């Protein structure tokens, strides 16, 4: 869960199609086709850039979470096997001394 909070994955999913860094043009009060097209194009590109960058961050965050999960599983498994490894090492050491 650390990776999900560190990379803000729930927030990134919630704001997936938001403007990139809140950059947006206003359409203005009067209807001007040039101004409308310019604002629409800029706002659309801002949302597309935001979605692309949020996608990369979500992928990186999920990959980091998967790596942390598997490393944690390896550490827990090693910790559980450590008493057996120590007993095996003790027996093997006594066998080496007896030769």
PDB file of N, CA and C in Angstrom:
ATOM      1  N   UNK A   1       0.798  -1.203   0.000  1.00  0.00           N
ATOM      2  CA  UNK A   1       0.000   0.000   0.000  1.00  0.00           C
ATOM      3  C   UNK A   1       0.841   1.268   0.000  1.00  0.00           C
ATOM      4  N   UNK A   2       2.118   1.120   0.377  1.00  0.00           N
ATOM      5  CA  UNK A   2       2.992   2.283   0.403  1.00  0.00           C
ATOM      6  C   UNK A   2       3.100   2.912  -0.985  1.00  0.00           C
ATOM      7  N   UNK A   3       3.307   2.065  -1.994  1.00  0.00           N
ATOM      8  CA  UNK A   3       3.476   2.575  -3.354  1.00  0.00           C
ATOM      9  C   UNK A   3       2.244   3.282  -3.874  1.00  0.00           C
ATOM     10  N   UNK A   4       1.066   2.774  -3.502  1.00  0.00           N
ATOM     11  CA  UNK A   4      -0.173   3.409  -3.958  1.00  0.00           C
ATOM     12  C   UNK A   4      -0.305   4.816  -3.394  1.00  0.00           C
ATOM     13  N   UNK A   5       0.047   4.987  -2.128  1.00  0.00           N
ATOM     14  CA  UNK A   5      -0.032   6.324  -1.528  1.00  0.00           C
ATOM     15  C   UNK A   5       1.120   7.205  -1.976  1.00  0.00           C
ATOM     16  N   UNK A   6       2.309   6.623  -2.137  1.00  0.00           N
ATOM     17  CA  UNK A   6       3.467   7.422  -2.535  1.00  0.00           C
ATOM     18  C   UNK A   6       3.290   7.983  -3.940  1.00  0.00           C
ATOM     19  N   UNK A   7       2.769   7.176  -4.845  1.00  0.00           N
ATOM     20  CA  UNK A   7       2.556   7.634  -6.216  1.00  0.00           C
ATOM     21  C   UNK A   7       1.168   8.240  -6.423  1.00  0.00           C
ATOM     22  N   UNK A   8       0.365   8.333  -5.397  1.00  0.00           N
ATOM     23  CA  UNK A   8      -0.983   8.929  -5.437  1.00  0.00           C
ATOM     24  C   UNK A   8      -1.855   8.304  -6.521  1.00  0.00           C
ATOM     25  N   UNK A   9      -1.857   6.995  -6.600  1.00  0.00           N
ATOM     26  CA  UNK A   9      -2.592   6.307  -7.666  1.00  0.00           C
ATOM     27  C   UNK A   9      -4.098   6.572  -7.577  1.00  0.00           C
ATOM     28  N   UNK A  10      -4.734   6.523  -6.388  1.00  0.00           N
ATOM     29  CA  UNK A  10      -6.175   6.830  -6.361  1.00  0.00           C
ATOM     30  C   UNK A  10      -6.476   8.249  -6.858  1.00  0.00           C
ATOM     31  N   UNK A  11      -5.639   9.197  -6.500  1.00  0.00           N
ATOM     32  CA  UNK A  11      -5.848  10.576  -6.966  1.00  0.00           C
ATOM     33  C   UNK A  11      -5.621  10.685  -8.469  1.00  0.00           C
ATOM     34  N   UNK A  12      -4.603  10.003  -8.975  1.00  0.00           N
ATOM     35  CA  UNK A  12      -4.340  10.032 -10.416  1.00  0.00           C
ATOM     36  C   UNK A  12      -5.496   9.415 -11.196  1.00  0.00           C
ATOM     37  N   UNK A  13      -6.085   8.356 -10.673  1.00  0.00           N
ATOM     38  CA  UNK A  13      -7.235   7.750 -11.355  1.00  0.00           C
ATOM     39  C   UNK A  13      -8.462   8.656 -11.284  1.00  0.00           C
ATOM     40  N   UNK A  14      -8.638   9.322 -10.149  1.00  0.00           N
ATOM     41  CA  UNK A  14      -9.794  10.204  -9.986  1.00  0.00           C
ATOM     42  C   UNK A  14      -9.702  11.435 -10.896  1.00  0.00           C
ATOM     43  N   UNK A  15      -8.495  11.918 -11.128  1.00  0.00           N
ATOM     44  CA  UNK A  15      -8.298  13.130 -11.943  1.00  0.00           C
ATOM     45  C   UNK A  15      -7.666  12.792 -13.287  1.00  0.00           C
ATOM     46  N   UNK A  16      -7.974  11.608 -13.825  1.00  0.00           N
ATOM     47  CA  UNK A  16      -7.285  11.112 -15.017  1.00  0.00           C
ATOM     48  C   UNK A  16      -7.414  12.060 -16.217  1.00  0.00           C
ATOM     49  N   UNK A  17      -8.586  12.598 -16.465  1.00  0.00           N
ATOM     50  CA  UNK A  17      -8.788  13.473 -17.626  1.00  0.00           C
ATOM     51  C   UNK A  17      -8.790  14.958 -17.263  1.00  0.00           C
ATOM     52  N   UNK A  18      -8.220  15.303 -16.133  1.00  0.00           N
ATOM     53  CA  UNK A  18      -8.121  16.719 -15.769  1.00  0.00           C
ATOM     54  C   UNK A  18      -7.039  17.391 -16.593  1.00  0.00           C
ATOM     55  N   UNK A  19      -7.072  18.718 -16.599  1.00  0.00           N
ATOM     56  CA  UNK A  19      -6.061  19.476 -17.325  1.00  0.00           C
ATOM     57  C   UNK A  19      -4.690  19.240 -16.711  1.00  0.00           C
ATOM     58  N   UNK A  20      -3.666  19.276 -17.547  1.00  0.00           N
ATOM     59  CA  UNK A  20      -2.307  19.142 -17.054  1.00  0.00           C
ATOM     60  C   UNK A  20      -1.934  20.410 -16.305  1.00  0.00           C
ATOM     61  N   UNK A  21      -1.610  20.289 -15.039  1.00  0.00           N
ATOM     62  CA  UNK A  21      -1.233  21.400 -14.157  1.00  0.00           C
ATOM     63  C   UNK A  21      -2.266  22.527 -14.183  1.00  0.00           C
ATOM     64  N   UNK A  22      -3.499  22.172 -14.427  1.00  0.00           N
ATOM     65  CA  UNK A  22      -4.634  23.109 -14.462  1.00  0.00           C
ATOM     66  C   UNK A  22      -4.467  24.207 -15.512  1.00  0.00           C
ATOM     67  N   UNK A  23      -3.714  23.927 -16.558  1.00  0.00           N
ATOM     68  CA  UNK A  23      -3.579  24.880 -17.665  1.00  0.00           C
ATOM     69  C   UNK A  23      -4.817  24.780 -18.549  1.00  0.00           C
ATOM     70  N   UNK A  24      -5.543  25.873 -18.669  1.00  0.00           N
ATOM     71  CA  UNK A  24      -6.717  25.880 -19.542  1.00  0.00           C
ATOM     72  C   UNK A  24      -6.996  27.311 -19.989  1.00  0.00           C
ATOM     73  N   UNK A  25      -7.577  27.403 -21.164  1.00  0.00           N
ATOM     74  CA  UNK A  25      -8.016  28.698 -21.691  1.00  0.00           C
ATOM     75  C   UNK A  25      -9.508  28.821 -21.454  1.00  0.00           C
ATOM     76  N   UNK A  26      -9.955  30.051 -21.236  1.00  0.00           N
ATOM     77  CA  UNK A  26     -11.396  30.262 -21.128  1.00  0.00           C
ATOM     78  C   UNK A  26     -11.951  30.523 -22.528  1.00  0.00           C
ATOM     79  N   UNK A  27     -13.209  30.178 -22.706  1.00  0.00           N
ATOM     80  CA  UNK A  27     -13.835  30.340 -24.015  1.00  0.00           C
ATOM     81  C   UNK A  27     -14.298  31.774 -24.263  1.00  0.00           C
ATOM     82  N   UNK A  28     -14.331  32.576 -23.243  1.00  0.00           N
ATOM     83  CA  UNK A  28     -14.762  33.964 -23.406  1.00  0.00           C
ATOM     84  C   UNK A  28     -16.271  34.082 -23.314  1.00  0.00           C
ATOM     85  N   UNK A  29     -16.739  35.339 -23.163  1.00  0.00           N
ATOM     86  CA  UNK A  29     -18.180  35.559 -23.012  1.00  0.00           C
ATOM     87  C   UNK A  29     -18.868  35.670 -24.369  1.00  0.00           C
ATOM     88  N   UNK A  30     -18.246  36.320 -25.300  1.00  0.00           N
ATOM     89  CA  UNK A  30     -18.839  36.464 -26.627  1.00  0.00           C
ATOM     90  C   UNK A  30     -18.392  35.294 -27.497  1.00  0.00           C
ATOM     91  N   UNK A  31     -19.251  34.885 -28.431  1.00  0.00           N
ATOM     92  CA  UNK A  31     -18.906  33.764 -29.295  1.00  0.00           C
ATOM     93  C   UNK A  31     -18.019  34.248 -30.428  1.00  0.00           C
ATOM     94  N   UNK A  32     -16.791  33.753 -30.426  1.00  0.00           N
ATOM     95  CA  UNK A  32     -15.830  34.033 -31.482  1.00  0.00           C
ATOM     96  C   UNK A  32     -15.274  32.672 -31.901  1.00  0.00           C
ATOM     97  N   UNK A  33     -15.531  32.296 -33.167  1.00  0.00           N
ATOM     98  CA  UNK A  33     -15.174  30.951 -33.613  1.00  0.00           C
ATOM     99  C   UNK A  33     -13.671  30.697 -33.524  1.00  0.00           C
ATOM    100  N   UNK A  34     -12.865  31.689 -33.797  1.00  0.00           N
ATOM    101  CA  UNK A  34     -11.408  31.526 -33.699  1.00  0.00           C
ATOM    102  C   UNK A  34     -10.971  31.319 -32.258  1.00  0.00           C
ATOM    103  N   UNK A  35     -11.497  32.150 -31.387  1.00  0.00           N
ATOM    104  CA  UNK A  35     -11.175  32.027 -29.961  1.00  0.00           C
ATOM    105  C   UNK A  35     -11.690  30.706 -29.405  1.00  0.00           C
ATOM    106  N   UNK A  36     -12.910  30.307 -29.814  1.00  0.00           N
ATOM    107  CA  UNK A  36     -13.490  29.055 -29.349  1.00  0.00           C
ATOM    108  C   UNK A  36     -12.631  27.868 -29.800  1.00  0.00           C
ATOM    109  N   UNK A  37     -12.222  27.861 -31.075  1.00  0.00           N
ATOM    110  CA  UNK A  37     -11.414  26.761 -31.599  1.00  0.00           C
ATOM    111  C   UNK A  37     -10.049  26.713 -30.912  1.00  0.00           C
ATOM    112  N   UNK A  38      -9.445  27.869 -30.679  1.00  0.00           N
ATOM    113  CA  UNK A  38      -8.147  27.930 -30.004  1.00  0.00           C
ATOM    114  C   UNK A  38      -8.249  27.395 -28.572  1.00  0.00           C
ATOM    115  N   UNK A  39      -9.279  27.834 -27.835  1.00  0.00           N
ATOM    116  CA  UNK A  39      -9.460  27.383 -26.448  1.00  0.00           C
ATOM    117  C   UNK A  39      -9.775  25.884 -26.416  1.00  0.00           C
ATOM    118  N   UNK A  40     -10.635  25.423 -27.331  1.00  0.00           N
ATOM    119  CA  UNK A  40     -10.992  24.013 -27.373  1.00  0.00           C
ATOM    120  C   UNK A  40      -9.770  23.146 -27.674  1.00  0.00           C
ATOM    121  N   UNK A  41      -8.963  23.548 -28.637  1.00  0.00           N
ATOM    122  CA  UNK A  41      -7.773  22.783 -29.005  1.00  0.00           C
ATOM    123  C   UNK A  41      -6.764  22.752 -27.861  1.00  0.00           C
ATOM    124  N   UNK A  42      -6.527  23.900 -27.259  1.00  0.00           N
ATOM    125  CA  UNK A  42      -5.565  23.942 -26.149  1.00  0.00           C
ATOM    126  C   UNK A  42      -6.052  23.103 -24.968  1.00  0.00           C
ATOM    127  N   UNK A  43      -7.327  23.235 -24.635  1.00  0.00           N
ATOM    128  CA  UNK A  43      -7.865  22.472 -23.504  1.00  0.00           C
ATOM    129  C   UNK A  43      -7.841  20.971 -23.788  1.00  0.00           C
ATOM    130  N   UNK A  44      -8.131  20.589 -25.020  1.00  0.00           N
ATOM    131  CA  UNK A  44      -8.081  19.178 -25.390  1.00  0.00           C
ATOM    132  C   UNK A  44      -6.657  18.632 -25.286  1.00  0.00           C
ATOM    133  N   UNK A  45      -5.685  19.386 -25.792  1.00  0.00           N
ATOM    134  CA  UNK A  45      -4.293  18.945 -25.717  1.00  0.00           C
ATOM    135  C   UNK A  45      -3.805  18.900 -24.274  1.00  0.00           C
ATOM    136  N   UNK A  46      -4.250  19.844 -23.461  1.00  0.00           N
ATOM    137  CA  UNK A  46      -3.875  19.838 -22.051  1.00  0.00           C
ATOM    138  C   UNK A  46      -4.416  18.589 -21.358  1.00  0.00           C
ATOM    139  N   UNK A  47      -5.626  18.203 -21.682  1.00  0.00           N
ATOM    140  CA  UNK A  47      -6.199  16.985 -21.090  1.00  0.00           C
ATOM    141  C   UNK A  47      -5.505  15.730 -21.607  1.00  0.00           C
ATOM    142  N   UNK A  48      -5.155  15.698 -22.881  1.00  0.00           N
ATOM    143  CA  UNK A  48      -4.463  14.536 -23.452  1.00  0.00           C
ATOM    144  C   UNK A  48      -3.077  14.386 -22.822  1.00  0.00           C
ATOM    145  N   UNK A  49      -2.352  15.483 -22.710  1.00  0.00           N
ATOM    146  CA  UNK A  49      -1.026  15.436 -22.074  1.00  0.00           C
ATOM    147  C   UNK A  49      -1.158  14.984 -20.621  1.00  0.00           C
ATOM    148  N   UNK A  50      -2.155  15.489 -19.913  1.00  0.00           N
ATOM    149  CA  UNK A  50      -2.383  15.078 -18.535  1.00  0.00           C
ATOM    150  C   UNK A  50      -2.693  13.593 -18.431  1.00  0.00           C
ATOM    151  N   UNK A  51      -3.521  13.078 -19.345  1.00  0.00           N
ATOM    152  CA  UNK A  51      -3.867  11.655 -19.315  1.00  0.00           C
ATOM    153  C   UNK A  51      -2.650  10.784 -19.620  1.00  0.00           C
ATOM    154  N   UNK A  52      -1.831  11.206 -20.576  1.00  0.00           N
ATOM    155  CA  UNK A  52      -0.635  10.426 -20.927  1.00  0.00           C
ATOM    156  C   UNK A  52       0.339  10.384 -19.762  1.00  0.00           C
ATOM    157  N   UNK A  53       0.620  11.521 -19.167  1.00  0.00           N
ATOM    158  CA  UNK A  53       1.569  11.556 -18.055  1.00  0.00           C
ATOM    159  C   UNK A  53       1.017  10.835 -16.824  1.00  0.00           C
ATOM    160  N   UNK A  54      -0.280  10.945 -16.588  1.00  0.00           N
ATOM    161  CA  UNK A  54      -0.866  10.210 -15.465  1.00  0.00           C
ATOM    162  C   UNK A  54      -0.818   8.709 -15.717  1.00  0.00           C
ATOM    163  N   UNK A  55      -0.982   8.292 -16.975  1.00  0.00           N
ATOM    164  CA  UNK A  55      -0.875   6.870 -17.312  1.00  0.00           C
ATOM    165  C   UNK A  55       0.507   6.345 -16.984  1.00  0.00           C
ATOM    166  N   UNK A  56       1.548   7.079 -17.384  1.00  0.00           N
ATOM    167  CA  UNK A  56       2.914   6.660 -17.074  1.00  0.00           C
ATOM    168  C   UNK A  56       3.138   6.580 -15.565  1.00  0.00           C
ATOM    169  N   UNK A  57       2.643   7.547 -14.828  1.00  0.00           N
ATOM    170  CA  UNK A  57       2.836   7.534 -13.382  1.00  0.00           C
ATOM    171  C   UNK A  57       2.074   6.377 -12.723  1.00  0.00           C
ATOM    172  N   UNK A  58       0.900   6.054 -13.234  1.00  0.00           N
ATOM    173  CA  UNK A  58       0.139   4.925 -12.702  1.00  0.00           C
ATOM    174  C   UNK A  58       0.882   3.624 -12.981  1.00  0.00           C
ATOM    175  N   UNK A  59       1.410   3.472 -14.190  1.00  0.00           N
ATOM    176  CA  UNK A  59       2.162   2.261 -14.535  1.00  0.00           C
ATOM    177  C   UNK A  59       3.406   2.136 -13.669  1.00  0.00           C
ATOM    178  N   UNK A  60       4.141   3.227 -13.494  1.00  0.00           N
ATOM    179  CA  UNK A  60       5.344   3.192 -12.657  1.00  0.00           C
ATOM    180  C   UNK A  60       4.971   2.873 -11.206  1.00  0.00           C
ATOM    181  N   UNK A  61       3.904   3.463 -10.706  1.00  0.00           N
ATOM    182  CA  UNK A  61       3.469   3.208  -9.337  1.00  0.00           C
ATOM    183  C   UNK A  61       3.036   1.767  -9.120  1.00  0.00           C
ATOM    184  N   UNK A  62       2.294   1.202 -10.077  1.00  0.00           N
ATOM    185  CA  UNK A  62       1.872  -0.188  -9.946  1.00  0.00           C
ATOM    186  C   UNK A  62       3.060  -1.139 -10.057  1.00  0.00           C
ATOM    187  N   UNK A  63       4.018  -0.820 -10.929  1.00  0.00           N
ATOM    188  CA  UNK A  63       5.224  -1.652 -11.043  1.00  0.00           C
ATOM    189  C   UNK A  63       6.032  -1.600  -9.749  1.00  0.00           C
ATOM    190  N   UNK A  64       6.155  -0.422  -9.165  1.00  0.00           N
ATOM    191  CA  UNK A  64       6.886  -0.296  -7.895  1.00  0.00           C
ATOM    192  C   UNK A  64       6.163  -1.065  -6.790  1.00  0.00           C
ATOM    193  N   UNK A  65       4.843  -1.016  -6.786  1.00  0.00           N
ATOM    194  CA  UNK A  65       4.075  -1.757  -5.785  1.00  0.00           C
ATOM    195  C   UNK A  65       4.271  -3.261  -5.965  1.00  0.00           C
ATOM    196  N   UNK A  66       4.313  -3.737  -7.204  1.00  0.00           N
ATOM    197  CA  UNK A  66       4.534  -5.160  -7.456  1.00  0.00           C
ATOM    198  C   UNK A  66       5.927  -5.583  -6.999  1.00  0.00           C
ATOM    199  N   UNK A  67       6.937  -4.751  -7.289  1.00  0.00           N
ATOM    200  CA  UNK A  67       8.302  -5.062  -6.855  1.00  0.00           C
ATOM    201  C   UNK A  67       8.376  -5.104  -5.335  1.00  0.00           C
ATOM    202  N   UNK A  68       7.763  -4.134  -4.671  1.00  0.00           N
ATOM    203  CA  UNK A  68       7.755  -4.121  -3.210  1.00  0.00           C
ATOM    204  C   UNK A  68       7.029  -5.341  -2.642  1.00  0.00           C
ATOM    205  N   UNK A  69       5.963  -5.762  -3.284  1.00  0.00           N
ATOM    206  CA  UNK A  69       5.232  -6.934  -2.822  1.00  0.00           C
ATOM    207  C   UNK A  69       6.091  -8.187  -2.913  1.00  0.00           C
ATOM    208  N   UNK A  70       6.749  -8.390  -4.069  1.00  0.00           N
ATOM    209  CA  UNK A  70       7.556  -9.590  -4.236  1.00  0.00           C
ATOM    210  C   UNK A  70       8.814  -9.570  -3.361  1.00  0.00           C
ATOM    211  N   UNK A  71       9.430  -8.419  -3.205  1.00  0.00           N
ATOM    212  CA  UNK A  71      10.578  -8.341  -2.299  1.00  0.00           C
ATOM    213  C   UNK A  71      10.157  -8.597  -0.857  1.00  0.00           C
ATOM    214  N   UNK A  72       9.015  -8.088  -0.470  1.00  0.00           N
ATOM    215  CA  UNK A  72       8.491  -8.346   0.867  1.00  0.00           C
ATOM    216  C   UNK A  72       8.188  -9.823   1.070  1.00  0.00           C
ATOM    217  N   UNK A  73       7.634 -10.487   0.058  1.00  0.00           N
ATOM    218  CA  UNK A  73       7.354 -11.917   0.158  1.00  0.00           C
ATOM    219  C   UNK A  73       8.647 -12.714   0.295  1.00  0.00           C
ATOM    220  N   UNK A  74       9.692 -12.316  -0.431  1.00  0.00           N
ATOM    221  CA  UNK A  74      10.987 -12.994  -0.328  1.00  0.00           C
ATOM    222  C   UNK A  74      11.577 -12.806   1.066  1.00  0.00           C
ATOM    223  N   UNK A  75      11.495 -11.611   1.603  1.00  0.00           N
ATOM    224  CA  UNK A  75      12.023 -11.343   2.942  1.00  0.00           C
ATOM    225  C   UNK A  75      11.255 -12.145   3.992  1.00  0.00           C
ATOM    226  N   UNK A  76       9.939 -12.203   3.897  1.00  0.00           N
ATOM    227  CA  UNK A  76       9.144 -12.972   4.865  1.00  0.00           C
ATOM    228  C   UNK A  76       9.462 -14.459   4.749  1.00  0.00           C
ATOM    229  N   UNK A  77       9.571 -14.965   3.538  1.00  0.00           N
ATOM    230  CA  UNK A  77       9.919 -16.372   3.347  1.00  0.00           C
ATOM    231  C   UNK A  77      11.304 -16.670   3.912  1.00  0.00           C
ATOM    232  N   UNK A  78      12.268 -15.801   3.653  1.00  0.00           N
ATOM    233  CA  UNK A  78      13.608 -15.968   4.217  1.00  0.00           C
ATOM    234  C   UNK A  78      13.595 -15.927   5.731  1.00  0.00           C
ATOM    235  N   UNK A  79      12.794 -15.045   6.290  1.00  0.00           N
ATOM    236  CA  UNK A  79      12.694 -14.924   7.750  1.00  0.00           C
ATOM    237  C   UNK A  79      12.088 -16.191   8.354  1.00  0.00           C
ATOM    238  N   UNK A  80      11.125 -16.778   7.660  1.00  0.00           N
ATOM    239  CA  UNK A  80      10.513 -18.008   8.150  1.00  0.00           C
ATOM    240  C   UNK A  80      11.450 -19.208   8.013  1.00  0.00           C
ATOM    241  N   UNK A  81      12.306 -19.196   7.000  1.00  0.00           N
ATOM    242  CA  UNK A  81      13.245 -20.305   6.785  1.00  0.00           C
ATOM    243  C   UNK A  81      14.532 -20.146   7.591  1.00  0.00           C
ATOM    244  N   UNK A  82      14.752 -18.998   8.170  1.00  0.00           N
ATOM    245  CA  UNK A  82      16.006 -18.733   8.877  1.00  0.00           C
ATOM    246  C   UNK A  82      16.292 -19.714  10.016  1.00  0.00           C
ATOM    247  N   UNK A  83      15.341 -20.111  10.839  1.00  0.00           N
ATOM    248  CA  UNK A  83      15.666 -21.105  11.877  1.00  0.00           C
ATOM    249  C   UNK A  83      16.156 -22.431  11.295  1.00  0.00           C
ATOM    250  N   UNK A  84      15.534 -22.882  10.194  1.00  0.00           N
ATOM    251  CA  UNK A  84      15.960 -24.125   9.567  1.00  0.00           C
ATOM    252  C   UNK A  84      17.355 -23.990   8.958  1.00  0.00           C
ATOM    253  N   UNK A  85      17.639 -22.848   8.378  1.00  0.00           N
ATOM    254  CA  UNK A  85      18.969 -22.604   7.811  1.00  0.00           C
ATOM    255  C   UNK A  85      20.017 -22.591   8.916  1.00  0.00           C
ATOM    256  N   UNK A  86      19.669 -21.999  10.041  1.00  0.00           N
ATOM    257  CA  UNK A  86      20.622 -21.954  11.159  1.00  0.00           C
ATOM    258  C   UNK A  86      20.865 -23.361  11.721  1.00  0.00           C
ATOM    259  N   UNK A  87      19.824 -24.177  11.860  1.00  0.00           N
ATOM    260  CA  UNK A  87      19.997 -25.546  12.349  1.00  0.00           C
ATOM    261  C   UNK A  87      20.822 -26.360  11.366  1.00  0.00           C
ATOM    262  N   UNK A  88      20.522 -26.230  10.068  1.00  0.00           N
ATOM    263  CA  UNK A  88      21.295 -26.927   9.040  1.00  0.00           C
ATOM    264  C   UNK A  88      22.753 -26.481   9.075  1.00  0.00           C
ATOM    265  N   UNK A  89      23.002 -25.212   9.241  1.00  0.00           N
ATOM    266  CA  UNK A  89      24.370 -24.705   9.312  1.00  0.00           C
ATOM    267  C   UNK A  89      25.108 -25.215  10.542  1.00  0.00           C
ATOM    268  N   UNK A  90      24.411 -25.302  11.655  1.00  0.00           N
ATOM    269  CA  UNK A  90      25.020 -25.822  12.874  1.00  0.00           C
ATOM    270  C   UNK A  90      25.399 -27.298  12.711  1.00  0.00           C
ATOM    271  N   UNK A  91      24.493 -28.091  12.155  1.00  0.00           N
ATOM    272  CA  UNK A  91      24.775 -29.518  11.922  1.00  0.00           C
ATOM    273  C   UNK A  91      25.906 -29.676  10.921  1.00  0.00           C
ATOM    274  N   UNK A  92      25.882 -28.925   9.847  1.00  0.00           N
ATOM    275  CA  UNK A  92      26.936 -29.000   8.828  1.00  0.00           C
ATOM    276  C   UNK A  92      28.286 -28.577   9.413  1.00  0.00           C
ATOM    277  N   UNK A  93      28.277 -27.588  10.278  1.00  0.00           N
ATOM    278  CA  UNK A  93      29.511 -27.140  10.925  1.00  0.00           C
ATOM    279  C   UNK A  93      30.105 -28.209  11.830  1.00  0.00           C
ATOM    280  N   UNK A  94      29.234 -28.902  12.584  1.00  0.00           N
ATOM    281  CA  UNK A  94      29.730 -29.987  13.437  1.00  0.00           C
ATOM    282  C   UNK A  94      30.293 -31.136  12.604  1.00  0.00           C
ATOM    283  N   UNK A  95      29.675 -31.381  11.440  1.00  0.00           N
ATOM    284  CA  UNK A  95      30.197 -32.436  10.552  1.00  0.00           C
ATOM    285  C   UNK A  95      31.583 -32.059  10.019  1.00  0.00           C
ATOM    286  N   UNK A  96      31.772 -30.777   9.710  1.00  0.00           N
ATOM    287  CA  UNK A  96      33.076 -30.331   9.216  1.00  0.00           C
ATOM    288  C   UNK A  96      34.135 -30.424  10.308  1.00  0.00           C
ATOM    289  N   UNK A  97      33.768 -30.135  11.532  1.00  0.00           N
ATOM    290  CA  UNK A  97      34.724 -30.191  12.642  1.00  0.00           C
ATOM    291  C   UNK A  97      35.126 -31.638  12.940  1.00  0.00           C
ATOM    292  N   UNK A  98      34.182 -32.569  12.781  1.00  0.00           N
ATOM    293  CA  UNK A  98      34.474 -33.960  13.121  1.00  0.00           C
ATOM    294  C   UNK A  98      35.394 -34.644  12.126  1.00  0.00           C
ATOM    295  N   UNK A  99      35.591 -34.080  10.963  1.00  0.00           N
ATOM    296  CA  UNK A  99      36.508 -34.718  10.000  1.00  0.00           C
ATOM    297  C   UNK A  99      37.900 -34.543  10.401  1.00  0.00           C
TER     298      UNK A  99
END
